[in-house]
């Protein structure tokens, strides 16, 4: 019998996740060649069977192949590659397009936790979170998260929509 991973509450909006997560970036990018898909699917199944409910993926991993892999069985946005160079994206059009593309690749109607991979310092966080709030209201995502954000940025985002 496998040990179960304990669960914790994230924020005050009711979201609960495993205290430990599975980072999926190395499955399809960045640390050498992509790993064999059957092995990665077995790893994901093992994590889920052990109680892991937080799978960390992103539209930039692969790019896109990581979400496609998980779609065969949660996600972040905000970093994209343009002409081989990573750019941070927080404008509403990118936020909406990234969310819709993630839903399609993951084969989901709704993403439980969708968080910005990196805050776009050229776009006020209120604008980015305003677009995410629309996706919550439309039922495309349940909860919003921010990665690599300062406390003041999180407070400003929370004033628009609880993250």
N, C-alpha and C. Protein backbone atom coordinates (compact mmCIF):
# COMPACT_ATOMS: atom_id res chain seq x y z
N UNK A 1 0.84 -1.18 0.00
CA UNK A 1 0.00 0.00 0.00
C UNK A 1 0.88 1.24 0.00
N UNK A 2 0.54 2.20 -0.83
CA UNK A 2 1.34 3.40 -0.96
C UNK A 2 0.94 4.44 0.08
N UNK A 3 1.94 5.18 0.54
CA UNK A 3 1.66 6.26 1.48
C UNK A 3 0.90 7.37 0.75
N UNK A 4 -0.05 7.94 1.42
CA UNK A 4 -0.82 9.04 0.82
C UNK A 4 -0.18 10.37 1.21
N UNK A 5 -0.18 11.27 0.27
CA UNK A 5 0.37 12.60 0.49
C UNK A 5 -0.69 13.43 1.21
N UNK A 6 -0.26 14.16 2.23
CA UNK A 6 -1.22 14.99 2.97
C UNK A 6 -1.70 16.14 2.11
N UNK A 7 -2.84 16.68 2.45
CA UNK A 7 -3.45 17.77 1.69
C UNK A 7 -3.39 19.05 2.51
N UNK A 8 -3.32 20.17 1.81
CA UNK A 8 -3.29 21.48 2.46
C UNK A 8 -4.24 22.42 1.73
N UNK A 9 -4.68 23.45 2.46
CA UNK A 9 -5.52 24.48 1.84
C UNK A 9 -4.61 25.53 1.22
N UNK A 10 -4.99 25.97 0.02
CA UNK A 10 -4.26 27.04 -0.66
C UNK A 10 -5.15 28.27 -0.65
N UNK A 11 -4.73 29.28 0.08
CA UNK A 11 -5.52 30.51 0.14
C UNK A 11 -6.77 30.35 0.98
N UNK A 12 -7.73 31.23 0.74
CA UNK A 12 -8.95 31.25 1.54
C UNK A 12 -10.21 30.97 0.73
N UNK A 13 -10.04 30.54 -0.52
CA UNK A 13 -11.19 30.37 -1.41
C UNK A 13 -11.70 28.93 -1.48
N UNK A 14 -11.09 28.02 -0.71
CA UNK A 14 -11.57 26.65 -0.67
C UNK A 14 -10.74 25.65 -1.46
N UNK A 15 -9.73 26.10 -2.18
CA UNK A 15 -8.90 25.18 -2.95
C UNK A 15 -8.02 24.37 -2.02
N UNK A 16 -7.99 23.09 -2.26
CA UNK A 16 -7.17 22.17 -1.48
C UNK A 16 -6.32 21.36 -2.45
N UNK A 17 -5.06 21.13 -2.10
CA UNK A 17 -4.16 20.37 -2.97
C UNK A 17 -3.22 19.54 -2.11
N UNK A 18 -2.52 18.64 -2.76
CA UNK A 18 -1.53 17.84 -2.03
C UNK A 18 -0.39 18.76 -1.59
N UNK A 19 0.19 18.44 -0.44
CA UNK A 19 1.29 19.25 0.09
C UNK A 19 2.53 19.11 -0.79
N UNK A 20 2.62 18.02 -1.53
CA UNK A 20 3.72 17.80 -2.46
C UNK A 20 3.16 17.75 -3.87
N UNK A 21 3.90 18.29 -4.80
CA UNK A 21 3.46 18.28 -6.19
C UNK A 21 4.47 17.57 -7.07
N UNK A 22 4.10 17.42 -8.32
CA UNK A 22 4.99 16.82 -9.31
C UNK A 22 5.30 17.88 -10.36
N UNK A 23 6.56 18.31 -10.41
CA UNK A 23 7.00 19.23 -11.44
C UNK A 23 7.22 18.47 -12.74
N UNK A 24 6.56 18.89 -13.79
CA UNK A 24 6.56 18.13 -15.04
C UNK A 24 7.46 18.70 -16.12
N UNK A 25 8.16 19.80 -15.84
CA UNK A 25 8.95 20.45 -16.88
C UNK A 25 9.96 19.51 -17.52
N UNK A 26 10.67 18.73 -16.73
CA UNK A 26 11.74 17.89 -17.28
C UNK A 26 11.22 16.71 -18.09
N UNK A 27 9.92 16.47 -18.06
CA UNK A 27 9.37 15.36 -18.83
C UNK A 27 9.47 15.60 -20.33
N UNK A 28 9.41 16.86 -20.74
CA UNK A 28 9.37 17.14 -22.17
C UNK A 28 10.31 18.26 -22.62
N UNK A 29 11.07 18.83 -21.70
CA UNK A 29 11.92 19.95 -22.12
C UNK A 29 12.96 20.29 -21.07
N UNK A 30 13.95 21.03 -21.49
CA UNK A 30 14.92 21.75 -20.66
C UNK A 30 16.03 20.92 -20.02
N UNK A 31 15.81 19.70 -19.63
CA UNK A 31 16.86 18.91 -18.99
C UNK A 31 17.20 17.71 -19.86
N UNK A 32 17.68 17.97 -21.05
CA UNK A 32 17.99 16.90 -21.98
C UNK A 32 16.80 16.61 -22.86
N UNK A 33 16.89 15.53 -23.63
CA UNK A 33 15.79 15.21 -24.55
C UNK A 33 14.53 14.81 -23.79
N UNK A 34 13.38 14.93 -24.45
CA UNK A 34 12.13 14.50 -23.81
C UNK A 34 12.24 13.05 -23.35
N UNK A 35 11.62 12.77 -22.22
CA UNK A 35 11.64 11.41 -21.67
C UNK A 35 10.62 10.55 -22.40
N UNK A 36 10.80 9.23 -22.39
CA UNK A 36 9.83 8.35 -23.06
C UNK A 36 8.42 8.53 -22.48
N UNK A 37 7.47 8.79 -23.36
CA UNK A 37 6.10 9.08 -22.94
C UNK A 37 5.50 7.99 -22.04
N UNK A 38 5.64 6.70 -22.36
CA UNK A 38 5.05 5.68 -21.47
C UNK A 38 5.61 5.75 -20.05
N UNK A 39 6.91 6.05 -19.92
CA UNK A 39 7.51 6.17 -18.58
C UNK A 39 6.94 7.37 -17.83
N UNK A 40 6.74 8.47 -18.53
CA UNK A 40 6.21 9.67 -17.89
C UNK A 40 4.75 9.48 -17.49
N UNK A 41 3.98 8.80 -18.31
CA UNK A 41 2.59 8.51 -17.96
C UNK A 41 2.54 7.61 -16.74
N UNK A 42 3.43 6.62 -16.67
CA UNK A 42 3.50 5.76 -15.47
C UNK A 42 3.87 6.58 -14.24
N UNK A 43 4.80 7.52 -14.38
CA UNK A 43 5.20 8.37 -13.27
C UNK A 43 4.03 9.23 -12.79
N UNK A 44 3.30 9.81 -13.73
CA UNK A 44 2.14 10.63 -13.38
C UNK A 44 1.09 9.78 -12.67
N UNK A 45 0.82 8.59 -13.18
CA UNK A 45 -0.15 7.69 -12.53
C UNK A 45 0.31 7.34 -11.11
N UNK A 46 1.61 7.08 -10.94
CA UNK A 46 2.14 6.76 -9.61
C UNK A 46 1.92 7.94 -8.65
N UNK A 47 2.21 9.15 -9.14
CA UNK A 47 2.02 10.33 -8.29
C UNK A 47 0.56 10.49 -7.89
N UNK A 48 -0.34 10.36 -8.86
CA UNK A 48 -1.77 10.50 -8.58
C UNK A 48 -2.24 9.41 -7.62
N UNK A 49 -1.80 8.18 -7.84
CA UNK A 49 -2.18 7.07 -6.96
C UNK A 49 -1.62 7.25 -5.55
N UNK A 50 -0.57 8.05 -5.41
CA UNK A 50 0.02 8.34 -4.10
C UNK A 50 -0.65 9.52 -3.42
N UNK A 51 -1.58 10.16 -4.11
CA UNK A 51 -2.31 11.28 -3.52
C UNK A 51 -1.88 12.65 -4.01
N UNK A 52 -0.97 12.72 -4.96
CA UNK A 52 -0.54 14.01 -5.50
C UNK A 52 -1.66 14.56 -6.39
N UNK A 53 -2.07 15.78 -6.10
CA UNK A 53 -3.12 16.42 -6.90
C UNK A 53 -2.61 17.68 -7.59
N UNK A 54 -1.37 18.05 -7.33
CA UNK A 54 -0.79 19.25 -7.93
C UNK A 54 0.26 18.84 -8.95
N UNK A 55 -0.08 18.98 -10.23
CA UNK A 55 0.84 18.69 -11.33
C UNK A 55 1.22 20.02 -11.96
N UNK A 56 2.49 20.37 -11.89
CA UNK A 56 2.97 21.67 -12.35
C UNK A 56 3.40 21.57 -13.81
N UNK A 57 2.62 22.18 -14.70
CA UNK A 57 2.93 22.22 -16.12
C UNK A 57 2.85 23.66 -16.61
N UNK A 58 3.17 23.89 -17.85
CA UNK A 58 3.12 25.24 -18.41
C UNK A 58 3.04 25.16 -19.93
N UNK A 59 2.47 26.20 -20.53
CA UNK A 59 2.40 26.23 -21.99
C UNK A 59 3.78 26.40 -22.62
N UNK A 60 4.78 26.79 -21.85
CA UNK A 60 6.12 26.99 -22.40
C UNK A 60 6.95 25.70 -22.37
N UNK A 61 6.55 24.70 -21.61
CA UNK A 61 7.33 23.47 -21.51
C UNK A 61 7.13 22.65 -22.78
N UNK A 62 8.14 22.56 -23.57
CA UNK A 62 8.08 21.75 -24.79
C UNK A 62 8.44 22.51 -26.04
N UNK A 63 7.88 23.62 -26.43
CA UNK A 63 6.66 24.22 -25.88
C UNK A 63 5.41 23.42 -26.24
N UNK A 64 4.48 23.46 -25.39
CA UNK A 64 3.14 22.87 -25.50
C UNK A 64 3.10 21.36 -25.30
N UNK A 65 4.18 20.64 -25.55
CA UNK A 65 4.12 19.17 -25.50
C UNK A 65 3.86 18.66 -24.09
N UNK A 66 4.25 19.42 -23.08
CA UNK A 66 4.03 18.99 -21.70
C UNK A 66 2.54 18.96 -21.38
N UNK A 67 1.80 19.98 -21.78
CA UNK A 67 0.36 20.00 -21.56
C UNK A 67 -0.33 18.92 -22.39
N UNK A 68 0.17 18.68 -23.58
CA UNK A 68 -0.41 17.62 -24.41
C UNK A 68 -0.23 16.28 -23.72
N UNK A 69 0.96 16.05 -23.15
CA UNK A 69 1.22 14.82 -22.40
C UNK A 69 0.23 14.68 -21.24
N UNK A 70 0.07 15.73 -20.43
CA UNK A 70 -0.86 15.67 -19.30
C UNK A 70 -2.30 15.58 -19.77
N UNK A 71 -2.59 16.17 -20.91
CA UNK A 71 -3.94 16.10 -21.47
C UNK A 71 -4.31 14.68 -21.86
N UNK A 72 -3.32 13.85 -22.12
CA UNK A 72 -3.59 12.45 -22.44
C UNK A 72 -4.02 11.72 -21.17
N UNK A 73 -3.73 12.23 -20.10
CA UNK A 73 -4.15 11.59 -18.87
C UNK A 73 -5.39 12.35 -18.40
N UNK A 74 -3.66 20.87 -14.70
CA UNK A 74 -3.53 21.90 -14.16
C UNK A 74 -2.50 22.61 -14.86
N UNK A 75 -2.33 24.13 -14.80
CA UNK A 75 -1.29 24.62 -15.71
C UNK A 75 -0.94 26.07 -15.43
N UNK A 76 0.18 26.53 -15.94
CA UNK A 76 0.54 27.93 -15.79
C UNK A 76 0.71 28.57 -17.16
N UNK A 77 0.72 29.87 -17.16
CA UNK A 77 0.92 30.65 -18.38
C UNK A 77 1.78 31.85 -18.03
N UNK A 78 2.14 32.59 -19.03
CA UNK A 78 2.82 33.86 -18.77
C UNK A 78 4.18 33.97 -19.40
N UNK A 79 4.78 32.87 -19.79
CA UNK A 79 6.06 32.91 -20.48
C UNK A 79 5.86 32.27 -21.85
N UNK A 80 6.34 32.93 -22.87
CA UNK A 80 6.23 32.37 -24.22
C UNK A 80 7.52 32.66 -24.98
N UNK A 81 7.74 31.90 -26.03
CA UNK A 81 8.93 32.10 -26.84
C UNK A 81 8.56 32.82 -28.13
N UNK A 82 9.28 33.90 -28.41
CA UNK A 82 9.11 34.65 -29.65
C UNK A 82 10.50 34.76 -30.28
N UNK A 83 10.63 34.24 -31.49
CA UNK A 83 11.92 34.23 -32.19
C UNK A 83 13.01 33.60 -31.33
N UNK A 84 12.68 32.52 -30.63
CA UNK A 84 13.65 31.79 -29.83
C UNK A 84 14.00 32.45 -28.51
N UNK A 85 13.35 33.54 -28.16
CA UNK A 85 13.64 34.27 -26.93
C UNK A 85 12.41 34.27 -26.04
N UNK A 86 12.61 33.99 -24.74
CA UNK A 86 11.47 33.97 -23.83
C UNK A 86 11.00 35.39 -23.53
N UNK A 87 9.69 35.58 -23.65
CA UNK A 87 9.06 36.84 -23.30
C UNK A 87 7.97 36.57 -22.28
N UNK A 88 7.72 37.53 -21.43
CA UNK A 88 6.69 37.41 -20.40
C UNK A 88 5.41 38.04 -20.95
N UNK A 89 4.29 37.34 -20.81
CA UNK A 89 3.03 37.83 -21.37
C UNK A 89 1.95 37.99 -20.32
N UNK A 90 1.43 39.21 -20.18
CA UNK A 90 0.35 39.46 -19.25
C UNK A 90 -0.77 40.29 -19.84
N UNK A 91 -0.68 40.59 -21.14
CA UNK A 91 -1.75 41.37 -21.78
C UNK A 91 -3.00 40.50 -21.92
N UNK A 92 -4.17 41.10 -21.82
CA UNK A 92 -5.42 40.32 -21.84
C UNK A 92 -5.54 39.36 -23.03
N UNK A 93 -5.17 39.79 -24.23
CA UNK A 93 -5.31 38.91 -25.40
C UNK A 93 -4.46 37.65 -25.24
N UNK A 94 -3.24 37.80 -24.72
CA UNK A 94 -2.39 36.63 -24.49
C UNK A 94 -2.95 35.74 -23.39
N UNK A 95 -3.39 36.36 -22.31
CA UNK A 95 -3.95 35.61 -21.18
C UNK A 95 -5.11 34.74 -21.65
N UNK A 96 -6.03 35.33 -22.41
CA UNK A 96 -7.19 34.58 -22.91
C UNK A 96 -6.76 33.48 -23.87
N UNK A 97 -5.88 33.81 -24.82
CA UNK A 97 -5.44 32.82 -25.80
C UNK A 97 -4.69 31.68 -25.13
N UNK A 98 -3.85 31.99 -24.15
CA UNK A 98 -3.09 30.95 -23.45
C UNK A 98 -4.03 30.03 -22.68
N UNK A 99 -5.03 30.59 -22.02
CA UNK A 99 -5.99 29.79 -21.27
C UNK A 99 -6.78 28.88 -22.20
N UNK A 100 -7.29 29.43 -23.28
CA UNK A 100 -8.07 28.63 -24.22
C UNK A 100 -7.23 27.52 -24.85
N UNK A 101 -5.97 27.82 -25.17
CA UNK A 101 -5.09 26.81 -25.75
C UNK A 101 -4.75 25.73 -24.72
N UNK A 102 -4.54 26.13 -23.46
CA UNK A 102 -4.27 25.14 -22.41
C UNK A 102 -5.46 24.22 -22.21
N UNK A 103 -6.65 24.77 -22.19
CA UNK A 103 -7.86 23.95 -22.06
C UNK A 103 -7.93 22.91 -23.18
N UNK A 104 -7.62 23.35 -24.38
CA UNK A 104 -7.68 22.45 -25.53
C UNK A 104 -6.61 21.36 -25.43
N UNK A 105 -5.36 21.75 -25.13
CA UNK A 105 -4.29 20.76 -25.04
C UNK A 105 -4.50 19.78 -23.90
N UNK A 106 -5.04 20.28 -22.78
CA UNK A 106 -5.29 19.42 -21.63
C UNK A 106 -6.59 18.62 -21.75
N UNK A 107 -7.39 18.96 -22.76
CA UNK A 107 -8.68 18.32 -22.99
C UNK A 107 -9.59 18.48 -21.77
N UNK A 108 -9.67 19.71 -21.30
CA UNK A 108 -10.48 20.03 -20.13
C UNK A 108 -11.50 21.10 -20.47
N UNK A 109 -12.57 21.13 -19.69
CA UNK A 109 -13.54 22.22 -19.77
C UNK A 109 -13.18 23.32 -18.78
N UNK A 110 -12.45 22.95 -17.72
CA UNK A 110 -12.11 23.89 -16.66
C UNK A 110 -10.78 23.49 -16.04
N UNK A 111 -9.91 24.46 -15.80
CA UNK A 111 -8.63 24.24 -15.13
C UNK A 111 -8.82 24.61 -13.66
N UNK A 112 -8.48 23.70 -12.75
CA UNK A 112 -8.68 23.95 -11.32
C UNK A 112 -7.86 25.15 -10.83
N UNK A 113 -6.57 25.14 -11.09
CA UNK A 113 -5.70 26.23 -10.64
C UNK A 113 -4.86 26.68 -11.83
N UNK A 114 -5.05 27.93 -12.23
CA UNK A 114 -4.33 28.50 -13.37
C UNK A 114 -3.52 29.65 -12.83
N UNK A 115 -2.19 29.53 -12.90
CA UNK A 115 -1.41 30.62 -12.33
C UNK A 115 -0.39 31.18 -13.31
N UNK A 116 -0.15 32.46 -13.13
CA UNK A 116 0.78 33.17 -14.00
C UNK A 116 2.19 32.75 -13.64
N UNK A 117 2.89 32.21 -14.61
CA UNK A 117 4.24 31.68 -14.42
C UNK A 117 5.22 32.75 -13.95
N UNK A 118 5.07 33.92 -14.49
CA UNK A 118 5.93 35.04 -14.13
C UNK A 118 5.15 36.32 -14.41
N UNK A 119 5.19 37.26 -13.50
CA UNK A 119 4.44 38.51 -13.65
C UNK A 119 5.08 39.37 -14.74
N UNK A 120 4.25 39.87 -15.63
CA UNK A 120 4.69 40.77 -16.69
C UNK A 120 4.79 42.17 -16.10
N UNK A 121 5.99 42.66 -15.94
CA UNK A 121 6.19 43.97 -15.29
C UNK A 121 5.77 45.14 -16.18
N UNK A 122 5.48 44.86 -17.46
CA UNK A 122 5.04 45.92 -18.37
C UNK A 122 3.52 46.08 -18.37
N UNK A 123 2.83 45.16 -17.72
CA UNK A 123 1.37 45.19 -17.68
C UNK A 123 0.93 45.22 -16.22
N UNK A 124 0.15 46.21 -15.81
CA UNK A 124 -0.32 46.23 -14.42
C UNK A 124 -1.02 44.91 -14.07
N UNK A 125 -0.72 44.38 -12.92
CA UNK A 125 -1.29 43.09 -12.50
C UNK A 125 -2.81 43.15 -12.48
N UNK A 126 -3.36 44.32 -12.22
CA UNK A 126 -4.82 44.47 -12.21
C UNK A 126 -5.42 44.14 -13.58
N UNK A 127 -4.71 44.46 -14.65
CA UNK A 127 -5.18 44.17 -16.01
C UNK A 127 -5.15 42.66 -16.27
N UNK A 128 -4.02 42.04 -15.92
CA UNK A 128 -3.89 40.59 -16.12
C UNK A 128 -4.92 39.83 -15.31
N UNK A 129 -5.05 40.17 -14.03
CA UNK A 129 -6.00 39.46 -13.16
C UNK A 129 -7.43 39.78 -13.57
N UNK A 130 -7.67 40.96 -14.10
CA UNK A 130 -9.01 41.28 -14.60
C UNK A 130 -9.44 40.32 -15.70
N UNK A 131 -8.51 39.97 -16.58
CA UNK A 131 -8.82 39.01 -17.64
C UNK A 131 -9.00 37.60 -17.07
N UNK A 132 -8.16 37.25 -16.10
CA UNK A 132 -8.31 35.94 -15.45
C UNK A 132 -9.65 35.85 -14.73
N UNK A 133 -10.07 36.94 -14.11
CA UNK A 133 -11.37 36.98 -13.42
C UNK A 133 -12.49 36.65 -14.40
N UNK A 134 -12.41 37.18 -15.62
CA UNK A 134 -13.42 36.86 -16.64
C UNK A 134 -13.45 35.36 -16.92
N UNK A 135 -12.26 34.74 -16.98
CA UNK A 135 -12.20 33.29 -17.23
C UNK A 135 -12.81 32.50 -16.07
N UNK A 136 -12.65 33.01 -14.85
CA UNK A 136 -13.31 32.37 -13.70
C UNK A 136 -14.82 32.49 -13.85
N UNK A 137 -15.29 33.69 -14.15
CA UNK A 137 -16.73 33.92 -14.30
C UNK A 137 -17.34 33.10 -15.44
N UNK A 138 -16.54 32.83 -16.47
CA UNK A 138 -17.01 32.03 -17.61
C UNK A 138 -16.91 30.53 -17.35
N UNK A 139 -16.30 30.16 -16.21
CA UNK A 139 -16.17 28.74 -15.87
C UNK A 139 -14.99 28.03 -16.51
N UNK A 140 -14.05 28.79 -17.08
CA UNK A 140 -12.88 28.17 -17.69
C UNK A 140 -11.80 27.81 -16.68
N UNK A 141 -11.73 28.56 -15.58
CA UNK A 141 -10.79 28.26 -14.50
C UNK A 141 -11.51 28.44 -13.17
N UNK A 142 -11.05 27.70 -12.15
CA UNK A 142 -11.66 27.82 -10.82
C UNK A 142 -10.90 28.81 -9.94
N UNK A 143 -9.58 28.68 -9.92
CA UNK A 143 -8.77 29.49 -9.03
C UNK A 143 -7.61 30.11 -9.79
N UNK A 144 -7.19 31.29 -9.35
CA UNK A 144 -6.09 32.03 -9.94
C UNK A 144 -4.90 32.00 -8.99
N UNK A 145 -3.71 31.82 -9.54
CA UNK A 145 -2.50 31.86 -8.74
C UNK A 145 -1.45 32.73 -9.40
N UNK A 146 -0.50 33.19 -8.62
CA UNK A 146 0.61 33.98 -9.14
C UNK A 146 1.91 33.34 -8.69
N UNK A 147 2.88 33.30 -9.57
CA UNK A 147 4.20 32.77 -9.27
C UNK A 147 5.21 33.90 -9.40
N UNK A 148 6.19 33.92 -8.53
CA UNK A 148 7.24 34.93 -8.55
C UNK A 148 6.68 36.34 -8.42
N UNK A 149 5.68 36.50 -7.56
CA UNK A 149 5.05 37.81 -7.34
C UNK A 149 5.38 38.32 -5.93
N UNK A 150 5.57 39.61 -5.81
CA UNK A 150 5.82 40.21 -4.50
C UNK A 150 4.52 40.29 -3.71
N UNK A 151 4.64 40.52 -2.42
CA UNK A 151 3.47 40.66 -1.57
C UNK A 151 2.56 41.80 -2.02
N UNK A 152 3.15 42.92 -2.41
CA UNK A 152 2.33 44.05 -2.85
C UNK A 152 1.61 43.74 -4.16
N UNK A 153 2.26 43.00 -5.04
CA UNK A 153 1.61 42.61 -6.30
C UNK A 153 0.45 41.67 -6.01
N UNK A 154 0.64 40.74 -5.09
CA UNK A 154 -0.43 39.81 -4.73
C UNK A 154 -1.61 40.56 -4.12
N UNK A 155 -1.33 41.54 -3.26
CA UNK A 155 -2.41 42.34 -2.67
C UNK A 155 -3.19 43.10 -3.75
N UNK A 156 -2.48 43.69 -4.71
CA UNK A 156 -3.15 44.41 -5.80
C UNK A 156 -3.99 43.45 -6.64
N UNK A 157 -3.47 42.26 -6.89
CA UNK A 157 -4.22 41.26 -7.66
C UNK A 157 -5.45 40.83 -6.89
N UNK A 158 -5.29 40.62 -5.59
CA UNK A 158 -6.39 40.16 -4.75
C UNK A 158 -7.52 41.19 -4.69
N UNK A 159 -7.17 42.47 -4.83
CA UNK A 159 -8.21 43.51 -4.83
C UNK A 159 -9.11 43.39 -6.06
N UNK A 160 -8.59 42.83 -7.14
CA UNK A 160 -9.38 42.62 -8.36
C UNK A 160 -10.15 41.32 -8.27
N UNK A 161 -9.47 40.27 -7.80
CA UNK A 161 -10.10 38.95 -7.64
C UNK A 161 -9.25 38.14 -6.68
N UNK A 162 -9.86 37.47 -5.71
CA UNK A 162 -9.07 36.65 -4.78
C UNK A 162 -8.25 35.61 -5.53
N UNK A 163 -6.96 35.56 -5.23
CA UNK A 163 -6.07 34.61 -5.90
C UNK A 163 -5.72 33.46 -4.99
